[in-house]
Amino acid sequence: DGYRYFLEVWGAKVYHADVWNKEATISEQLFVVCERPEAECHPTSDPKAEVANFGMSKIVNEWNIGGIRLYKLEHADKDR
């Protein structure tokens, strides 16, 4: 939630995924921050609601920034 706060302060559009209102709240991409060791980061199967509500996904890019992993996810099925 700390990351979300700063994104909002900096003017980024932040969605709050709602599976009952997918068209308005789920975008084509999702960025996931993982502060755990890389071996423990599984962003495509994370049970946290913000990630799970995005739906089936695939990793399209990832970065290691100061020991923190940042993943860019897209929908596994583009025709969702």
PDB file of N, CA and C in Angstrom:
ATOM      1  N   ASP A   1       0.809  -1.200   0.000  1.00  0.00           N
ATOM      2  CA  ASP A   1       0.000   0.000   0.000  1.00  0.00           C
ATOM      3  C   ASP A   1       0.850   1.260   0.000  1.00  0.00           C
ATOM      4  N   GLY A   2       2.065   1.173   0.525  1.00  0.00           N
ATOM      5  CA  GLY A   2       2.964   2.319   0.505  1.00  0.00           C
ATOM      6  C   GLY A   2       3.325   2.728  -0.911  1.00  0.00           C
ATOM      7  N   TYR A   3       3.525   1.754  -1.775  1.00  0.00           N
ATOM      8  CA  TYR A   3       3.846   2.055  -3.173  1.00  0.00           C
ATOM      9  C   TYR A   3       2.657   2.721  -3.849  1.00  0.00           C
ATOM     10  N   ARG A   4       1.465   2.226  -3.586  1.00  0.00           N
ATOM     11  CA  ARG A   4       0.253   2.800  -4.173  1.00  0.00           C
ATOM     12  C   ARG A   4       0.107   4.263  -3.755  1.00  0.00           C
ATOM     13  N   TYR A   5       0.385   4.550  -2.497  1.00  0.00           N
ATOM     14  CA  TYR A   5       0.281   5.922  -1.998  1.00  0.00           C
ATOM     15  C   TYR A   5       1.162   6.861  -2.823  1.00  0.00           C
ATOM     16  N   PHE A   6       2.429   6.486  -3.012  1.00  0.00           N
ATOM     17  CA  PHE A   6       3.339   7.362  -3.746  1.00  0.00           C
ATOM     18  C   PHE A   6       2.962   7.470  -5.217  1.00  0.00           C
ATOM     19  N   LEU A   7       2.482   6.401  -5.814  1.00  0.00           N
ATOM     20  CA  LEU A   7       2.024   6.488  -7.201  1.00  0.00           C
ATOM     21  C   LEU A   7       0.882   7.487  -7.320  1.00  0.00           C
ATOM     22  N   GLU A   8      -0.051   7.456  -6.388  1.00  0.00           N
ATOM     23  CA  GLU A   8      -1.167   8.397  -6.415  1.00  0.00           C
ATOM     24  C   GLU A   8      -0.694   9.827  -6.176  1.00  0.00           C
ATOM     25  N   VAL A   9       0.233  10.018  -5.243  1.00  0.00           N
ATOM     26  CA  VAL A   9       0.775  11.353  -4.975  1.00  0.00           C
ATOM     27  C   VAL A   9       1.460  11.907  -6.222  1.00  0.00           C
ATOM     28  N   TRP A  10       2.147  11.047  -6.962  1.00  0.00           N
ATOM     29  CA  TRP A  10       2.865  11.470  -8.167  1.00  0.00           C
ATOM     30  C   TRP A  10       1.956  11.559  -9.391  1.00  0.00           C
ATOM     31  N   GLY A  11       0.652  11.352  -9.201  1.00  0.00           N
ATOM     32  CA  GLY A  11      -0.304  11.552 -10.277  1.00  0.00           C
ATOM     33  C   GLY A  11      -0.584  10.354 -11.164  1.00  0.00           C
ATOM     34  N   ALA A  12      -0.091   9.188 -10.814  1.00  0.00           N
ATOM     35  CA  ALA A  12      -0.350   7.993 -11.622  1.00  0.00           C
ATOM     36  C   ALA A  12      -1.781   7.514 -11.399  1.00  0.00           C
ATOM     37  N   LYS A  13      -2.374   6.968 -12.441  1.00  0.00           N
ATOM     38  CA  LYS A  13      -3.720   6.398 -12.308  1.00  0.00           C
ATOM     39  C   LYS A  13      -3.579   5.010 -11.707  1.00  0.00           C
ATOM     40  N   VAL A  14      -4.153   4.828 -10.539  1.00  0.00           N
ATOM     41  CA  VAL A  14      -4.072   3.554  -9.821  1.00  0.00           C
ATOM     42  C   VAL A  14      -5.464   2.934  -9.789  1.00  0.00           C
ATOM     43  N   TYR A  15      -5.558   1.719 -10.278  1.00  0.00           N
ATOM     44  CA  TYR A  15      -6.837   0.998 -10.283  1.00  0.00           C
ATOM     45  C   TYR A  15      -6.940   0.127  -9.041  1.00  0.00           C
ATOM     46  N   HIS A  16      -8.143  -0.054  -8.562  1.00  0.00           N
ATOM     47  CA  HIS A  16      -8.429  -0.979  -7.473  1.00  0.00           C
ATOM     48  C   HIS A  16      -9.287  -2.084  -8.087  1.00  0.00           C
ATOM     49  N   ALA A  17      -8.661  -3.208  -8.398  1.00  0.00           N
ATOM     50  CA  ALA A  17      -9.316  -4.278  -9.147  1.00  0.00           C
ATOM     51  C   ALA A  17     -10.580  -4.777  -8.460  1.00  0.00           C
ATOM     52  N   ASP A  18     -11.643  -4.821  -9.232  1.00  0.00           N
ATOM     53  CA  ASP A  18     -12.935  -5.311  -8.762  1.00  0.00           C
ATOM     54  C   ASP A  18     -13.444  -6.318  -9.792  1.00  0.00           C
ATOM     55  N   VAL A  19     -13.473  -7.592  -9.427  1.00  0.00           N
ATOM     56  CA  VAL A  19     -13.881  -8.622 -10.387  1.00  0.00           C
ATOM     57  C   VAL A  19     -15.326  -8.456 -10.846  1.00  0.00           C
ATOM     58  N   TRP A  20     -16.129  -7.708 -10.120  1.00  0.00           N
ATOM     59  CA  TRP A  20     -17.518  -7.484 -10.515  1.00  0.00           C
ATOM     60  C   TRP A  20     -17.646  -6.295 -11.460  1.00  0.00           C
ATOM     61  N   ASN A  21     -16.565  -5.553 -11.645  1.00  0.00           N
ATOM     62  CA  ASN A  21     -16.564  -4.400 -12.550  1.00  0.00           C
ATOM     63  C   ASN A  21     -15.252  -4.391 -13.330  1.00  0.00           C
ATOM     64  N   LYS A  22     -14.971  -5.484 -14.016  1.00  0.00           N
ATOM     65  CA  LYS A  22     -13.688  -5.669 -14.695  1.00  0.00           C
ATOM     66  C   LYS A  22     -13.376  -4.580 -15.712  1.00  0.00           C
ATOM     67  N   GLU A  23     -14.340  -4.223 -16.525  1.00  0.00           N
ATOM     68  CA  GLU A  23     -14.077  -3.265 -17.600  1.00  0.00           C
ATOM     69  C   GLU A  23     -13.568  -1.922 -17.074  1.00  0.00           C
ATOM     70  N   ALA A  24     -14.043  -1.498 -15.931  1.00  0.00           N
ATOM     71  CA  ALA A  24     -13.661  -0.194 -15.387  1.00  0.00           C
ATOM     72  C   ALA A  24     -12.472  -0.253 -14.438  1.00  0.00           C
ATOM     73  N   THR A  25     -12.155  -1.441 -13.920  1.00  0.00           N
ATOM     74  CA  THR A  25     -11.145  -1.476 -12.853  1.00  0.00           C
ATOM     75  C   THR A  25      -9.940  -2.370 -13.122  1.00  0.00           C
ATOM     76  N   ILE A  26      -9.944  -3.118 -14.207  1.00  0.00           N
ATOM     77  CA  ILE A  26      -8.808  -3.999 -14.487  1.00  0.00           C
ATOM     78  C   ILE A  26      -8.194  -3.583 -15.814  1.00  0.00           C
ATOM     79  N   SER A  27      -6.927  -3.195 -15.776  1.00  0.00           N
ATOM     80  CA  SER A  27      -6.244  -2.694 -16.962  1.00  0.00           C
ATOM     81  C   SER A  27      -5.584  -3.841 -17.726  1.00  0.00           C
ATOM     82  N   GLU A  28      -4.853  -3.493 -18.769  1.00  0.00           N
ATOM     83  CA  GLU A  28      -4.171  -4.492 -19.594  1.00  0.00           C
ATOM     84  C   GLU A  28      -2.845  -4.940 -18.988  1.00  0.00           C
ATOM     85  N   GLN A  29      -2.374  -4.221 -17.988  1.00  0.00           N
ATOM     86  CA  GLN A  29      -1.100  -4.579 -17.359  1.00  0.00           C
ATOM     87  C   GLN A  29      -1.186  -4.362 -15.860  1.00  0.00           C
ATOM     88  N   LEU A  30      -0.319  -5.069 -15.157  1.00  0.00           N
ATOM     89  CA  LEU A  30      -0.264  -4.945 -13.703  1.00  0.00           C
ATOM     90  C   LEU A  30       1.196  -4.993 -13.287  1.00  0.00           C
ATOM     91  N   PHE A  31       1.609  -4.055 -12.464  1.00  0.00           N
ATOM     92  CA  PHE A  31       2.957  -4.063 -11.913  1.00  0.00           C
ATOM     93  C   PHE A  31       2.878  -4.588 -10.488  1.00  0.00           C
ATOM     94  N   VAL A  32       3.720  -5.574 -10.187  1.00  0.00           N
ATOM     95  CA  VAL A  32       3.728  -6.215  -8.876  1.00  0.00           C
ATOM     96  C   VAL A  32       5.105  -6.035  -8.256  1.00  0.00           C
ATOM     97  N   VAL A  33       5.144  -5.552  -7.022  1.00  0.00           N
ATOM     98  CA  VAL A  33       6.386  -5.382  -6.276  1.00  0.00           C
ATOM     99  C   VAL A  33       6.532  -6.556  -5.322  1.00  0.00           C
ATOM    100  N   CYS A  34       7.718  -7.162  -5.308  1.00  0.00           N
ATOM    101  CA  CYS A  34       7.990  -8.258  -4.381  1.00  0.00           C
ATOM    102  C   CYS A  34       9.249  -7.913  -3.593  1.00  0.00           C
ATOM    103  N   GLU A  35       9.105  -7.837  -2.285  1.00  0.00           N
ATOM    104  CA  GLU A  35      10.232  -7.514  -1.408  1.00  0.00           C
ATOM    105  C   GLU A  35      10.874  -8.756  -0.814  1.00  0.00           C
ATOM    106  N   ARG A  36      10.341  -9.931  -1.127  1.00  0.00           N
ATOM    107  CA  ARG A  36      10.899 -11.187  -0.626  1.00  0.00           C
ATOM    108  C   ARG A  36      12.070 -11.616  -1.510  1.00  0.00           C
ATOM    109  N   PRO A  37      12.846 -12.613  -1.075  1.00  0.00           N
ATOM    110  CA  PRO A  37      13.904 -13.144  -1.946  1.00  0.00           C
ATOM    111  C   PRO A  37      13.300 -13.624  -3.267  1.00  0.00           C
ATOM    112  N   GLU A  38      14.068 -13.523  -4.340  1.00  0.00           N
ATOM    113  CA  GLU A  38      13.556 -13.845  -5.672  1.00  0.00           C
ATOM    114  C   GLU A  38      12.898 -15.225  -5.740  1.00  0.00           C
ATOM    115  N   ALA A  39      13.475 -16.209  -5.062  1.00  0.00           N
ATOM    116  CA  ALA A  39      12.929 -17.570  -5.087  1.00  0.00           C
ATOM    117  C   ALA A  39      11.529 -17.645  -4.474  1.00  0.00           C
ATOM    118  N   GLU A  40      11.158 -16.650  -3.683  1.00  0.00           N
ATOM    119  CA  GLU A  40       9.844 -16.630  -3.036  1.00  0.00           C
ATOM    120  C   GLU A  40       8.839 -15.726  -3.753  1.00  0.00           C
ATOM    121  N   CYS A  41       9.251 -15.124  -4.854  1.00  0.00           N
ATOM    122  CA  CYS A  41       8.366 -14.234  -5.609  1.00  0.00           C
ATOM    123  C   CYS A  41       7.661 -15.019  -6.707  1.00  0.00           C
ATOM    124  N   HIS A  42       6.346 -15.065  -6.628  1.00  0.00           N
ATOM    125  CA  HIS A  42       5.529 -15.777  -7.615  1.00  0.00           C
ATOM    126  C   HIS A  42       4.336 -14.890  -7.990  1.00  0.00           C
ATOM    127  N   PRO A  43       4.587 -13.816  -8.733  1.00  0.00           N
ATOM    128  CA  PRO A  43       3.523 -12.841  -8.966  1.00  0.00           C
ATOM    129  C   PRO A  43       2.329 -13.363  -9.760  1.00  0.00           C
ATOM    130  N   THR A  44       2.516 -14.389 -10.573  1.00  0.00           N
ATOM    131  CA  THR A  44       1.384 -14.886 -11.359  1.00  0.00           C
ATOM    132  C   THR A  44       0.446 -15.774 -10.552  1.00  0.00           C
ATOM    133  N   SER A  45       0.877 -16.178  -9.363  1.00  0.00           N
ATOM    134  CA  SER A  45       0.011 -17.019  -8.523  1.00  0.00           C
ATOM    135  C   SER A  45      -0.140 -16.458  -7.110  1.00  0.00           C
ATOM    136  N   ASP A  46       0.129 -15.174  -6.947  1.00  0.00           N
ATOM    137  CA  ASP A  46       0.018 -14.529  -5.641  1.00  0.00           C
ATOM    138  C   ASP A  46      -1.450 -14.487  -5.216  1.00  0.00           C
ATOM    139  N   PRO A  47      -1.777 -14.948  -4.000  1.00  0.00           N
ATOM    140  CA  PRO A  47      -3.174 -14.968  -3.563  1.00  0.00           C
ATOM    141  C   PRO A  47      -3.714 -13.605  -3.124  1.00  0.00           C
ATOM    142  N   LYS A  48      -2.861 -12.598  -3.024  1.00  0.00           N
ATOM    143  CA  LYS A  48      -3.321 -11.276  -2.606  1.00  0.00           C
ATOM    144  C   LYS A  48      -4.390 -10.787  -3.586  1.00  0.00           C
ATOM    145  N   ALA A  49      -5.487 -10.271  -3.069  1.00  0.00           N
ATOM    146  CA  ALA A  49      -6.640  -9.903  -3.897  1.00  0.00           C
ATOM    147  C   ALA A  49      -6.272  -8.982  -5.053  1.00  0.00           C
ATOM    148  N   GLU A  50      -5.418  -8.012  -4.816  1.00  0.00           N
ATOM    149  CA  GLU A  50      -5.058  -7.063  -5.865  1.00  0.00           C
ATOM    150  C   GLU A  50      -4.412  -7.758  -7.056  1.00  0.00           C
ATOM    151  N   VAL A  51      -3.729  -8.866  -6.804  1.00  0.00           N
ATOM    152  CA  VAL A  51      -3.072  -9.624  -7.873  1.00  0.00           C
ATOM    153  C   VAL A  51      -4.026 -10.677  -8.427  1.00  0.00           C
ATOM    154  N   ALA A  52      -4.669 -11.417  -7.561  1.00  0.00           N
ATOM    155  CA  ALA A  52      -5.568 -12.491  -7.994  1.00  0.00           C
ATOM    156  C   ALA A  52      -6.729 -11.953  -8.833  1.00  0.00           C
ATOM    157  N   ASN A  53      -7.255 -10.791  -8.492  1.00  0.00           N
ATOM    158  CA  ASN A  53      -8.382 -10.221  -9.234  1.00  0.00           C
ATOM    159  C   ASN A  53      -8.007  -9.808 -10.652  1.00  0.00           C
ATOM    160  N   PHE A  54      -6.724  -9.664 -10.930  1.00  0.00           N
ATOM    161  CA  PHE A  54      -6.263  -9.337 -12.279  1.00  0.00           C
ATOM    162  C   PHE A  54      -6.555 -10.488 -13.234  1.00  0.00           C
ATOM    163  N   GLY A  55      -6.578 -11.704 -12.704  1.00  0.00           N
ATOM    164  CA  GLY A  55      -6.867 -12.884 -13.516  1.00  0.00           C
ATOM    165  C   GLY A  55      -5.596 -13.609 -13.926  1.00  0.00           C
ATOM    166  N   MET A  56      -5.751 -14.582 -14.797  1.00  0.00           N
ATOM    167  CA  MET A  56      -4.606 -15.359 -15.282  1.00  0.00           C
ATOM    168  C   MET A  56      -3.630 -14.414 -15.974  1.00  0.00           C
ATOM    169  N   SER A  57      -2.360 -14.533 -15.602  1.00  0.00           N
ATOM    170  CA  SER A  57      -1.385 -13.582 -16.124  1.00  0.00           C
ATOM    171  C   SER A  57      -0.082 -14.267 -16.497  1.00  0.00           C
ATOM    172  N   LYS A  58       0.749 -13.498 -17.185  1.00  0.00           N
ATOM    173  CA  LYS A  58       2.094 -13.949 -17.523  1.00  0.00           C
ATOM    174  C   LYS A  58       3.050 -12.789 -17.274  1.00  0.00           C
ATOM    175  N   ILE A  59       4.281 -13.115 -16.931  1.00  0.00           N
ATOM    176  CA  ILE A  59       5.313 -12.101 -16.712  1.00  0.00           C
ATOM    177  C   ILE A  59       5.853 -11.688 -18.072  1.00  0.00           C
ATOM    178  N   VAL A  60       5.812 -10.388 -18.371  1.00  0.00           N
ATOM    179  CA  VAL A  60       6.352  -9.905 -19.640  1.00  0.00           C
ATOM    180  C   VAL A  60       7.654  -9.137 -19.452  1.00  0.00           C
ATOM    181  N   ASN A  61       7.930  -8.733 -18.212  1.00  0.00           N
ATOM    182  CA  ASN A  61       9.201  -8.077 -17.915  1.00  0.00           C
ATOM    183  C   ASN A  61       9.406  -8.088 -16.410  1.00  0.00           C
ATOM    184  N   GLU A  62      10.650  -7.983 -16.006  1.00  0.00           N
ATOM    185  CA  GLU A  62      10.957  -7.898 -14.574  1.00  0.00           C
ATOM    186  C   GLU A  62      12.265  -7.150 -14.382  1.00  0.00           C
ATOM    187  N   TRP A  63      12.355  -6.486 -13.237  1.00  0.00           N
ATOM    188  CA  TRP A  63      13.518  -5.694 -12.905  1.00  0.00           C
ATOM    189  C   TRP A  63      13.907  -5.948 -11.457  1.00  0.00           C
ATOM    190  N   ASN A  64      15.194  -5.849 -11.173  1.00  0.00           N
ATOM    191  CA  ASN A  64      15.701  -5.909  -9.805  1.00  0.00           C
ATOM    192  C   ASN A  64      16.192  -4.507  -9.482  1.00  0.00           C
ATOM    193  N   ILE A  65      15.521  -3.849  -8.554  1.00  0.00           N
ATOM    194  CA  ILE A  65      15.842  -2.466  -8.212  1.00  0.00           C
ATOM    195  C   ILE A  65      16.189  -2.416  -6.736  1.00  0.00           C
ATOM    196  N   GLY A  66      17.459  -2.329  -6.438  1.00  0.00           N
ATOM    197  CA  GLY A  66      17.892  -2.245  -5.044  1.00  0.00           C
ATOM    198  C   GLY A  66      17.446  -3.416  -4.196  1.00  0.00           C
ATOM    199  N   GLY A  67      17.422  -4.611  -4.769  1.00  0.00           N
ATOM    200  CA  GLY A  67      17.022  -5.794  -4.023  1.00  0.00           C
ATOM    201  C   GLY A  67      15.529  -6.057  -4.004  1.00  0.00           C
ATOM    202  N   ILE A  68      14.765  -5.203  -4.654  1.00  0.00           N
ATOM    203  CA  ILE A  68      13.315  -5.379  -4.761  1.00  0.00           C
ATOM    204  C   ILE A  68      13.003  -5.796  -6.192  1.00  0.00           C
ATOM    205  N   ARG A  69      12.138  -6.789  -6.348  1.00  0.00           N
ATOM    206  CA  ARG A  69      11.744  -7.264  -7.675  1.00  0.00           C
ATOM    207  C   ARG A  69      10.475  -6.532  -8.110  1.00  0.00           C
ATOM    208  N   LEU A  70      10.502  -6.039  -9.343  1.00  0.00           N
ATOM    209  CA  LEU A  70       9.332  -5.406  -9.938  1.00  0.00           C
ATOM    210  C   LEU A  70       8.966  -6.214 -11.172  1.00  0.00           C
ATOM    211  N   TYR A  71       7.725  -6.674 -11.223  1.00  0.00           N
ATOM    212  CA  TYR A  71       7.247  -7.493 -12.329  1.00  0.00           C
ATOM    213  C   TYR A  71       6.173  -6.746 -13.105  1.00  0.00           C
ATOM    214  N   LYS A  72       6.234  -6.855 -14.417  1.00  0.00           N
ATOM    215  CA  LYS A  72       5.153  -6.355 -15.263  1.00  0.00           C
ATOM    216  C   LYS A  72       4.391  -7.571 -15.765  1.00  0.00           C
ATOM    217  N   LEU A  73       3.106  -7.621 -15.444  1.00  0.00           N
ATOM    218  CA  LEU A  73       2.256  -8.729 -15.863  1.00  0.00           C
ATOM    219  C   LEU A  73       1.264  -8.249 -16.913  1.00  0.00           C
ATOM    220  N   GLU A  74       0.910  -9.159 -17.800  1.00  0.00           N
ATOM    221  CA  GLU A  74      -0.181  -8.944 -18.739  1.00  0.00           C
ATOM    222  C   GLU A  74      -1.091 -10.156 -18.657  1.00  0.00           C
ATOM    223  N   HIS A  75      -2.278 -10.024 -19.176  1.00  0.00           N
ATOM    224  CA  HIS A  75      -3.228 -11.134 -19.152  1.00  0.00           C
ATOM    225  C   HIS A  75      -2.697 -12.284 -19.999  1.00  0.00           C
ATOM    226  N   ALA A  76      -2.815 -13.499 -19.489  1.00  0.00           N
ATOM    227  CA  ALA A  76      -2.365 -14.680 -20.226  1.00  0.00           C
ATOM    228  C   ALA A  76      -3.197 -14.859 -21.489  1.00  0.00           C
ATOM    229  N   ASP A  77      -4.465 -14.509 -21.410  1.00  0.00           N
ATOM    230  CA  ASP A  77      -5.369 -14.593 -22.551  1.00  0.00           C
ATOM    231  C   ASP A  77      -5.744 -13.174 -22.932  1.00  0.00           C
ATOM    232  N   LYS A  78      -5.132 -12.658 -23.984  1.00  0.00           N
ATOM    233  CA  LYS A  78      -5.364 -11.266 -24.381  1.00  0.00           C
ATOM    234  C   LYS A  78      -6.821 -10.986 -24.749  1.00  0.00           C
ATOM    235  N   ASP A  79      -7.582 -12.029 -25.084  1.00  0.00           N
ATOM    236  CA  ASP A  79      -8.972 -11.844 -25.499  1.00  0.00           C
ATOM    237  C   ASP A  79      -9.952 -11.911 -24.341  1.00  0.00           C
ATOM    238  N   ARG A  80      -9.454 -11.835 -23.130  1.00  0.00           N
ATOM    239  CA  ARG A  80     -10.278 -11.975 -21.935  1.00  0.00           C
ATOM    240  C   ARG A  80     -11.570 -11.308 -22.152  1.00  0.00           C
TER     241      ARG A  80
END
